[in-house]
């Protein structure tokens, strides 16, 4: 990701880029093998499961809230 013109914008872009490239823990096999396949699509390299998530990170704050509310209601 390329950004210009301002330190704050460059820092935000770098943070998003690091989140995009990171590996996340798979909810099914519990291995740290989930990588971004394309925009908001994440795939586990171990078990092959495909997940929908955030654009630049595997989970979003709204998704975490929804998961917590579902867990509390059941």
Protein backbone atom coordinates (compact mmCIF):
# COMPACT_ATOMS: atom_id res chain seq x y z
CA UNK A 1 0.00 0.00 0.00
CA UNK A 2 1.41 3.35 -1.00
CA UNK A 3 0.44 6.53 0.75
CA UNK A 4 1.91 9.99 0.59
CA UNK A 5 1.50 13.40 2.12
CA UNK A 6 1.45 13.17 5.86
CA UNK A 7 2.94 11.24 8.70
CA UNK A 8 -0.40 10.22 10.23
CA UNK A 9 -1.70 8.76 6.96
CA UNK A 10 1.55 6.85 6.40
CA UNK A 11 1.38 5.41 9.93
CA UNK A 12 -2.25 4.32 9.49
CA UNK A 13 -1.44 2.74 6.14
CA UNK A 14 1.55 0.88 7.60
CA UNK A 15 -0.55 -0.43 10.49
CA UNK A 16 -3.22 -1.71 8.08
CA UNK A 17 -0.58 -3.29 5.86
CA UNK A 18 1.00 -5.13 8.81
CA UNK A 19 -2.41 -6.45 9.87
CA UNK A 20 -3.10 -7.59 6.32
CA UNK A 21 0.14 -9.58 6.08
CA UNK A 22 -0.07 -11.16 9.54
CA UNK A 23 -1.10 -14.75 10.24
CA UNK A 24 -4.09 -15.38 12.49
CA UNK A 25 -5.33 -18.36 14.48
CA UNK A 26 -7.81 -20.61 12.69
CA UNK A 27 -11.10 -21.04 14.60
CA UNK A 28 -11.43 -24.64 13.33
CA UNK A 29 -7.98 -26.21 13.67
CA UNK A 30 -6.47 -23.68 16.16
CA UNK A 31 -3.25 -23.29 14.15
CA UNK A 32 -1.79 -19.89 13.31
CA UNK A 33 -2.14 -20.42 9.56
CA UNK A 34 -4.95 -18.08 8.45
CA UNK A 35 -3.79 -15.65 5.77
CA UNK A 36 -5.58 -13.10 3.63
CA UNK A 37 -6.58 -14.49 0.25
CA UNK A 38 -8.20 -11.36 -1.18
CA UNK A 39 -10.29 -8.43 0.06
CA UNK A 40 -12.11 -9.64 3.23
CA UNK A 41 -11.56 -13.33 2.36
CA UNK A 42 -9.28 -15.32 4.67
CA UNK A 43 -8.09 -18.91 4.18
CA UNK A 44 -6.43 -21.39 6.54
CA UNK A 45 -3.34 -22.92 4.96
CA UNK A 46 -3.59 -25.96 7.20
CA UNK A 47 -7.20 -27.18 6.99
CA UNK A 48 -8.29 -25.20 3.90
CA UNK A 49 -11.24 -23.46 5.58
CA UNK A 50 -12.30 -20.14 4.07
CA UNK A 51 -13.67 -17.30 6.21
CA UNK A 52 -15.17 -13.88 5.63
CA UNK A 53 -13.63 -11.21 7.82
CA UNK A 54 -12.40 -7.67 7.82
CA UNK A 55 -10.64 -6.06 4.90
CA UNK A 56 -7.28 -5.77 6.62
CA UNK A 57 -7.64 -7.92 9.75
CA UNK A 58 -9.23 -11.30 10.36
CA UNK A 59 -11.77 -9.94 12.82
CA UNK A 60 -13.39 -6.54 13.18
CA UNK A 61 -14.53 -4.79 16.36
CA UNK A 62 -18.16 -5.19 15.25
CA UNK A 63 -17.61 -8.91 14.64
CA UNK A 64 -16.09 -9.36 18.09
CA UNK A 65 -19.10 -7.62 19.67
CA UNK A 66 -21.53 -9.79 17.71
CA UNK A 67 -19.68 -12.96 18.72
CA UNK A 68 -19.75 -11.92 22.38
CA UNK A 69 -23.49 -11.12 22.27
CA UNK A 70 -24.27 -14.48 20.62
CA UNK A 71 -22.26 -16.30 23.24
CA UNK A 72 -24.02 -14.45 26.09
CA UNK A 73 -27.51 -15.11 24.69
CA UNK A 74 -27.08 -18.88 24.40
